[in-house]
Amino acid sequence: RQVFEAVHDRVWNAWYEPMCRTGEAWDSQDLVRHLLESGRMPATHCAVLCDEAQDFTRLELEAIYQCSLFSDRQIDTQSVKRVPFVFAGDPFQTLNPTGFRWESVRAAFTERILRSLYRFYSRSEVPQLNYRELTFNYRSSIRIVQFCNSIQAARASLFDHKSLKPQSTWQLGDQSSPPAFFEKGDALMEQALRDQSDLVLIVPCEEGEEIDFVASDEYLK
């Protein structure tokens, strides 16, 4: 709540809202709205594939829908299930300051896209999105994936997150360096870390708070 109020007072009231009121500056929502109102979103794309779908607003979904060739066609019941809309996203990477809920995003997709495609059919015939959680990690080595899976297992146990599942690694082989654990306060390890000139330490704090965080920790300092 404290962060939300700070953004509202220092960013919205003090800077952003006056620009919106004068109309001298546009953001991405203004641009999308202008394209829609001026009819510059022709229905010409036979397939629509979108990444970062966790951040789409209803206005952007409208634009995405109108880009599809099938938004301007009447489609039979069997074919409409194969209209190529593909959305990929990560709920933990959302930019939405009010938080992310997959249920609300799914509802927006269903309302704007599926029901529009099924506008000639009854509400009961509108299907749900074909949702698939991606389980492969394409970026990290097998040792890193196994390490992260152990953290997820601890989270699942501590917070009773029954939906958490381990990831599988796409990369084969285990030539990468394994994650290492050491006891905080170990003098030999402290010296070894000091000798690593190219070492990068990631500290658990907000951006801009690194100096204060390090200064308050005897080990890091």
Protein backbone atom coordinates (compact mmCIF):
# COMPACT_ATOMS: atom_id res chain seq x y z
CA ARG A 1 0.00 0.00 0.00
CA GLN A 2 2.84 2.38 0.84
CA VAL A 3 4.47 1.88 -2.58
CA PHE A 4 1.13 2.24 -4.36
CA GLU A 5 0.40 5.53 -2.56
CA ALA A 6 3.89 6.84 -3.38
CA VAL A 7 3.41 6.08 -7.08
CA HIS A 8 -0.06 7.66 -7.02
CA ASP A 9 1.14 10.87 -5.37
CA ARG A 10 4.60 11.37 -6.90
CA VAL A 11 4.08 9.93 -10.38
CA TRP A 12 0.37 10.14 -11.23
CA ASN A 13 -0.75 13.34 -9.44
CA ALA A 14 2.50 15.26 -9.71
CA TRP A 15 3.53 14.39 -13.28
CA TYR A 16 1.51 12.01 -15.41
CA GLU A 17 -2.11 13.06 -14.92
CA PRO A 18 -1.53 16.73 -15.91
CA MET A 19 0.07 15.59 -19.19
CA CYS A 20 -2.91 13.35 -19.91
CA ARG A 21 -5.34 16.19 -19.16
CA THR A 22 -3.67 18.63 -21.57
CA GLY A 23 -3.52 16.06 -24.36
CA GLU A 24 0.04 17.05 -25.24
CA ALA A 25 1.47 13.60 -24.54
CA TRP A 26 0.25 10.13 -25.49
CA ASP A 27 0.99 6.79 -23.92
CA SER A 28 0.62 3.36 -25.53
CA GLN A 29 -3.09 3.21 -24.65
CA ASP A 30 -3.72 6.52 -26.43
CA LEU A 31 -1.93 5.20 -29.52
CA VAL A 32 -3.95 1.97 -29.56
CA ARG A 33 -7.20 3.88 -29.08
CA HIS A 34 -6.32 6.21 -31.96
CA LEU A 35 -5.57 3.29 -34.28
CA LEU A 36 -8.90 1.68 -33.43
CA GLU A 37 -10.96 4.85 -33.76
CA SER A 38 -9.35 5.76 -37.09
CA GLY A 39 -9.86 2.29 -38.56
CA ARG A 40 -6.16 1.55 -38.96
CA MET A 41 -6.29 -2.02 -37.65
CA PRO A 42 -7.17 -3.97 -40.82
CA ALA A 43 -8.22 -7.61 -40.44
CA THR A 44 -5.37 -9.02 -42.50
CA HIS A 45 -3.44 -11.45 -40.27
CA CYS A 46 -4.34 -15.12 -40.63
CA ALA A 47 -2.48 -16.00 -37.41
CA VAL A 48 -1.82 -13.91 -34.32
CA LEU A 49 0.90 -14.93 -31.82
CA CYS A 50 1.62 -12.67 -28.86
CA ASP A 51 4.20 -12.82 -26.09
CA GLU A 52 4.04 -10.98 -22.72
CA ALA A 53 0.28 -11.53 -22.68
CA GLN A 54 0.11 -10.97 -18.93
CA ASP A 55 0.23 -7.20 -19.52
CA PHE A 56 -2.49 -6.79 -22.17
CA THR A 57 -5.26 -4.34 -21.41
CA ARG A 58 -8.78 -4.78 -22.75
CA LEU A 59 -8.05 -2.03 -25.29
CA GLU A 60 -5.01 -3.92 -26.58
CA LEU A 61 -7.03 -7.14 -26.77
CA GLU A 62 -9.50 -5.28 -28.94
CA ALA A 63 -6.68 -4.27 -31.30
CA ILE A 64 -5.28 -7.80 -31.36
CA TYR A 65 -8.70 -9.21 -32.16
CA GLN A 66 -9.27 -6.76 -34.99
CA CYS A 67 -5.90 -7.69 -36.53
CA SER A 68 -7.15 -11.20 -37.15
CA LEU A 69 -8.53 -12.06 -40.56
CA PHE A 70 -11.20 -14.12 -38.82
CA SER A 71 -12.62 -11.16 -36.90
CA ASP A 72 -14.31 -10.13 -40.16
CA ARG A 73 -15.62 -13.57 -41.13
CA GLN A 74 -18.45 -15.90 -40.25
CA ILE A 75 -16.94 -19.25 -39.30
CA ASP A 76 -18.57 -22.64 -38.83
CA THR A 77 -18.54 -24.32 -35.42
CA GLN A 78 -15.82 -26.83 -36.21
CA SER A 79 -13.42 -24.36 -37.81
CA VAL A 80 -13.72 -21.66 -35.18
CA LYS A 81 -11.95 -23.90 -32.66
CA ARG A 82 -8.87 -23.81 -34.87
CA VAL A 83 -8.60 -20.04 -35.29
CA PRO A 84 -4.88 -19.39 -34.61
CA PHE A 85 -4.66 -17.08 -31.62
CA VAL A 86 -1.66 -17.93 -29.42
CA PHE A 87 -0.82 -16.06 -26.22
CA ALA A 88 2.23 -16.66 -24.02
CA GLY A 89 3.00 -14.94 -20.76
CA ASP A 90 4.54 -15.18 -17.33
CA PRO A 91 2.42 -14.01 -14.39
CA PHE A 92 5.57 -13.29 -12.37
CA GLN A 93 6.76 -10.73 -14.93
CA THR A 94 3.67 -8.54 -15.07
CA LEU A 95 4.03 -4.75 -15.18
CA ASN A 96 0.52 -4.31 -13.80
CA PRO A 97 0.88 -2.41 -10.49
CA THR A 98 -2.36 -3.84 -9.12
CA GLY A 99 -1.17 -7.44 -9.44
CA PHE A 100 -1.79 -10.28 -11.89
CA ARG A 101 -4.55 -12.86 -11.84
CA TRP A 102 -4.70 -15.39 -14.65
CA GLU A 103 -8.45 -15.75 -14.10
CA SER A 104 -9.05 -12.07 -14.94
CA VAL A 105 -6.86 -12.23 -18.05
CA ARG A 106 -8.59 -15.40 -19.20
CA ALA A 107 -11.96 -13.71 -18.67
CA ALA A 108 -10.86 -10.75 -20.81
CA PHE A 109 -9.64 -13.06 -23.60
CA THR A 110 -12.88 -15.03 -23.47
CA GLU A 111 -15.06 -11.93 -23.45
CA ARG A 112 -13.38 -10.11 -26.32
CA ILE A 113 -12.03 -12.84 -28.58
CA LEU A 114 -13.81 -16.15 -28.05
CA ARG A 115 -17.30 -14.72 -27.69
CA SER A 116 -16.72 -12.53 -30.73
CA LEU A 117 -15.66 -15.50 -32.82
CA TYR A 118 -18.71 -17.38 -31.53
CA ARG A 119 -21.09 -14.46 -31.97
CA PHE A 120 -23.41 -16.58 -34.13
CA TYR A 121 -23.69 -19.31 -31.50
CA SER A 122 -25.26 -19.58 -28.05
CA ARG A 123 -23.27 -18.67 -24.94
CA SER A 124 -23.12 -22.33 -23.88
CA GLU A 125 -21.20 -23.18 -27.07
CA VAL A 126 -18.34 -20.79 -26.30
CA PRO A 127 -15.35 -22.94 -25.18
CA GLN A 128 -12.64 -22.11 -22.67
CA LEU A 129 -9.14 -21.14 -23.71
CA ASN A 130 -6.84 -24.09 -24.33
CA TYR A 131 -4.52 -23.28 -21.43
CA ARG A 132 -1.19 -25.11 -21.11
CA GLU A 133 1.43 -24.37 -18.49
CA LEU A 134 4.92 -24.55 -19.97
CA THR A 135 7.11 -26.93 -17.98
CA PHE A 136 10.44 -26.76 -19.84
CA ASN A 137 13.18 -24.34 -18.86
CA TYR A 138 14.99 -23.40 -22.08
CA ARG A 139 17.41 -20.88 -20.59
CA SER A 140 19.19 -22.46 -17.63
CA SER A 141 21.53 -25.40 -17.20
CA ILE A 142 20.29 -28.61 -15.63
CA ARG A 143 22.07 -27.82 -12.34
CA ILE A 144 20.40 -24.42 -12.07
CA VAL A 145 16.99 -25.92 -12.89
CA GLN A 146 17.44 -28.59 -10.22
CA PHE A 147 18.46 -25.92 -7.71
CA CYS A 148 15.38 -23.81 -8.52
CA ASN A 149 13.16 -26.88 -8.30
CA SER A 150 14.42 -27.47 -4.76
CA ILE A 151 13.45 -23.90 -3.84
CA GLN A 152 10.02 -24.38 -5.40
CA ALA A 153 9.60 -27.61 -3.45
CA ALA A 154 10.34 -25.74 -0.23
CA ARG A 155 7.83 -23.02 -1.17
CA ALA A 156 5.19 -25.62 -2.03
CA SER A 157 5.67 -27.28 1.35
CA LEU A 158 5.88 -24.14 3.48
CA PHE A 159 2.97 -22.28 1.86
CA ASP A 160 0.85 -25.24 0.78
CA HIS A 161 1.09 -24.33 -2.94
CA LYS A 162 -0.23 -27.57 -4.38
CA SER A 163 -0.16 -26.18 -7.93
CA LEU A 164 3.64 -25.73 -7.99
CA LYS A 165 5.35 -28.31 -10.20
CA PRO A 166 9.05 -28.85 -11.00
CA GLN A 167 10.43 -27.69 -14.33
CA SER A 168 12.29 -29.90 -16.80
CA THR A 169 15.46 -28.68 -18.45
CA TRP A 170 15.75 -28.44 -22.21
CA GLN A 171 19.55 -28.45 -22.11
CA LEU A 172 21.37 -31.76 -21.90
CA GLY A 173 24.65 -32.45 -20.08
CA ASP A 174 25.86 -31.22 -16.71
CA GLN A 175 29.20 -29.57 -17.49
CA SER A 176 28.10 -26.33 -15.84
CA SER A 177 29.25 -25.40 -12.35
CA PRO A 178 26.85 -26.60 -9.65
CA PRO A 179 25.30 -24.17 -7.15
CA ALA A 180 27.37 -24.15 -3.95
CA PHE A 181 26.23 -23.67 -0.38
CA PHE A 182 28.42 -22.23 2.37
CA GLU A 183 27.91 -21.07 5.91
CA LYS A 184 27.68 -17.36 6.50
CA GLY A 185 30.56 -16.19 8.67
CA ASP A 186 33.05 -18.79 7.41
CA ALA A 187 36.40 -16.93 7.41
CA LEU A 188 37.91 -19.08 4.64
CA MET A 189 34.89 -18.48 2.40
CA GLU A 190 34.95 -14.75 3.07
CA GLN A 191 38.57 -14.60 1.95
CA ALA A 192 37.81 -16.72 -1.12
CA LEU A 193 35.04 -14.30 -2.11
CA ARG A 194 37.34 -11.31 -1.69
CA ASP A 195 39.80 -12.92 -4.08
CA GLN A 196 37.14 -13.19 -6.80
CA SER A 197 37.49 -9.85 -8.59
CA ASP A 198 34.82 -10.63 -11.20
CA LEU A 199 32.24 -11.96 -8.75
CA VAL A 200 28.72 -10.52 -8.88
CA LEU A 201 26.58 -10.66 -5.75
CA ILE A 202 22.81 -10.35 -6.05
CA VAL A 203 21.28 -9.00 -2.85
CA PRO A 204 17.62 -9.41 -1.85
CA CYS A 205 16.47 -5.80 -1.79
CA GLU A 206 14.61 -3.27 -3.91
CA GLU A 207 16.39 -1.41 -6.70
CA GLY A 208 18.25 1.60 -5.32
CA GLU A 209 18.54 0.09 -1.83
CA GLU A 210 21.71 -1.93 -2.49
CA ILE A 211 24.15 0.41 -0.75
CA ASP A 212 22.07 0.60 2.43
CA PHE A 213 21.51 -3.16 2.39
CA VAL A 214 25.24 -3.89 2.12
CA ALA A 215 26.13 -1.28 4.76
CA SER A 216 23.78 -2.93 7.26
CA ASP A 217 25.23 -6.42 6.75
CA GLU A 218 28.57 -7.12 8.41
CA TYR A 219 29.37 -9.99 6.04
CA LEU A 220 28.68 -8.07 2.82
CA LYS A 221 30.30 -4.90 4.13
